[in-house]
Amino acid sequence: MNIFMYSSEIEGIGKKIQEVLEELLPADQLEIFRSVDKLSHKLQEAWEEKPIVVILVCQKEELLDLVSIREKLYKVRLILVLPDADEGTISLAHRLRPNFLTYIHRNLNELKAVLEKMLDRN
């Protein structure tokens, strides 16, 4: 099982989410992307099973970039971590059809529990 993580933020919440992922699976199953273009390129590959993609959106502009590659995101199990619960942000986020949606200010235990369930399904 492969997990891809996108985060432009290296410290703070981005680092904390990365630590959660590293706790749940071997390092060779986790790939981290710092640009939407590199993530998009990776999503063009073929896989034996659907990867899990965890995306940390720090700014609404990033969400707009992600909407431009939404067709590729429809093929994965998607977890979105949003910067706020603003109506516009949530509306854009739902265009990506996430399997799970949470917010930066929420407890990461919920995110961890969802990831554990997704990993158990394999």
Protein backbone atom coordinates (compact mmCIF):
# COMPACT_ATOMS: atom_id res chain seq x y z
CA MET A 1 0.00 0.00 0.00
CA ASN A 2 1.35 3.38 -0.99
CA ILE A 3 0.54 6.65 0.69
CA PHE A 4 1.30 9.97 -0.96
CA MET A 5 1.36 13.15 1.06
CA TYR A 6 1.22 16.64 -0.36
CA SER A 7 2.16 19.58 1.82
CA SER A 8 3.90 22.80 0.94
CA GLU A 9 4.51 23.29 4.66
CA ILE A 10 7.57 21.46 5.97
CA GLU A 11 7.23 22.43 9.64
CA GLY A 12 4.26 22.77 11.96
CA ILE A 13 1.17 20.80 11.03
CA GLY A 14 2.84 19.39 7.91
CA LYS A 15 5.55 17.80 10.05
CA LYS A 16 2.98 16.46 12.52
CA ILE A 17 0.93 14.79 9.77
CA GLN A 18 4.09 13.31 8.29
CA GLU A 19 4.96 11.86 11.71
CA VAL A 20 1.50 10.25 11.95
CA LEU A 21 2.00 8.65 8.55
CA GLU A 22 5.51 7.44 9.41
CA GLU A 23 4.13 5.84 12.56
CA LEU A 24 1.56 3.83 10.58
CA LEU A 25 3.62 2.41 7.73
CA PRO A 26 7.15 1.63 6.54
CA ALA A 27 9.13 4.54 5.10
CA ASP A 28 9.32 2.90 1.66
CA GLN A 29 5.52 3.13 1.35
CA LEU A 30 5.34 6.89 1.95
CA GLU A 31 6.14 9.50 -0.68
CA ILE A 32 6.02 13.20 0.11
CA PHE A 33 5.40 15.91 -2.47
CA ARG A 34 5.96 19.62 -2.03
CA SER A 35 4.45 20.73 -5.35
CA VAL A 36 1.12 20.05 -7.01
CA ASP A 37 2.92 19.45 -10.33
CA LYS A 38 5.02 16.62 -8.89
CA LEU A 39 1.99 15.06 -7.24
CA SER A 40 0.08 15.32 -10.51
CA HIS A 41 2.88 13.57 -12.36
CA LYS A 42 2.93 10.75 -9.79
CA LEU A 43 -0.84 10.31 -10.08
CA GLN A 44 -0.44 9.46 -13.77
CA GLU A 45 1.25 6.16 -12.90
CA ALA A 46 -0.60 2.84 -12.77
CA TRP A 47 -0.94 1.04 -9.41
CA GLU A 48 -1.92 -2.46 -8.32
CA GLU A 49 -4.18 -0.91 -5.66
CA LYS A 50 -5.52 2.57 -5.08
CA PRO A 51 -3.08 4.68 -3.10
CA ILE A 52 -4.13 6.87 -0.21
CA VAL A 53 -3.37 10.54 -0.79
CA VAL A 54 -3.21 12.91 2.18
CA ILE A 55 -3.28 16.54 1.17
CA LEU A 56 -2.60 19.39 3.57
CA VAL A 57 -3.98 22.61 2.14
CA CYS A 58 -2.38 25.60 3.86
CA GLN A 59 -3.81 28.31 1.60
CA LYS A 60 -6.90 28.57 -0.57
CA GLU A 61 -4.68 29.14 -3.63
CA GLU A 62 -3.32 25.61 -3.22
CA LEU A 63 -6.86 24.29 -3.27
CA LEU A 64 -7.43 26.02 -6.61
CA ASP A 65 -4.30 24.30 -8.00
CA LEU A 66 -5.59 20.95 -6.74
CA VAL A 67 -8.98 21.47 -8.37
CA SER A 68 -7.12 21.71 -11.69
CA ILE A 69 -5.94 18.08 -11.24
CA ARG A 70 -9.16 16.76 -9.69
CA GLU A 71 -9.68 14.12 -12.40
CA LYS A 72 -6.50 12.40 -11.21
CA LEU A 73 -7.57 12.66 -7.58
CA TYR A 74 -10.84 10.85 -8.34
CA LYS A 75 -8.79 7.66 -8.78
CA VAL A 76 -7.35 7.58 -5.25
CA ARG A 77 -8.57 7.46 -1.67
CA LEU A 78 -8.29 11.11 -0.70
CA ILE A 79 -7.91 12.72 2.70
CA LEU A 80 -8.02 16.52 2.76
CA VAL A 81 -6.82 18.69 5.61
CA LEU A 82 -8.18 22.20 5.11
CA PRO A 83 -6.97 25.54 6.52
CA ASP A 84 -10.46 26.70 7.58
CA ALA A 85 -14.16 25.87 7.54
CA ASP A 86 -15.06 28.80 5.30
CA GLU A 87 -17.99 28.03 2.99
CA GLY A 88 -15.93 28.78 -0.13
CA THR A 89 -13.08 26.54 1.02
CA ILE A 90 -15.43 23.66 1.77
CA SER A 91 -17.23 24.07 -1.55
CA LEU A 92 -13.95 23.91 -3.48
CA ALA A 93 -12.76 20.95 -1.39
CA HIS A 94 -15.87 18.93 -2.21
CA ARG A 95 -15.07 19.27 -5.91
CA LEU A 96 -12.15 16.91 -5.20
CA ARG A 97 -14.50 14.23 -3.78
CA PRO A 98 -12.50 13.47 -0.64
CA ASN A 99 -13.10 10.28 1.31
CA PHE A 100 -12.39 12.22 4.50
CA LEU A 101 -12.20 15.93 5.20
CA THR A 102 -10.79 17.59 8.31
CA TYR A 103 -9.19 20.87 9.34
CA ILE A 104 -5.73 22.03 10.41
CA HIS A 105 -6.92 23.02 13.89
CA ARG A 106 -8.51 19.60 14.62
CA ASN A 107 -6.95 16.82 16.66
CA LEU A 108 -4.80 14.48 14.55
CA ASN A 109 -6.14 11.40 16.36
CA GLU A 110 -9.20 11.47 14.11
CA LEU A 111 -6.99 11.57 11.01
CA LYS A 112 -4.91 8.71 12.38
CA ALA A 113 -8.03 6.60 13.03
CA VAL A 114 -9.28 7.12 9.47
CA LEU A 115 -5.88 6.20 8.04
CA GLU A 116 -5.77 3.04 10.15
CA LYS A 117 -9.18 1.98 8.82
CA MET A 118 -8.15 2.66 5.23
CA LEU A 119 -4.98 0.63 5.70
CA ASP A 120 -6.92 -2.25 7.30
CA ARG A 121 -9.17 -2.57 4.24
CA ASN A 122 -6.28 -3.92 2.18
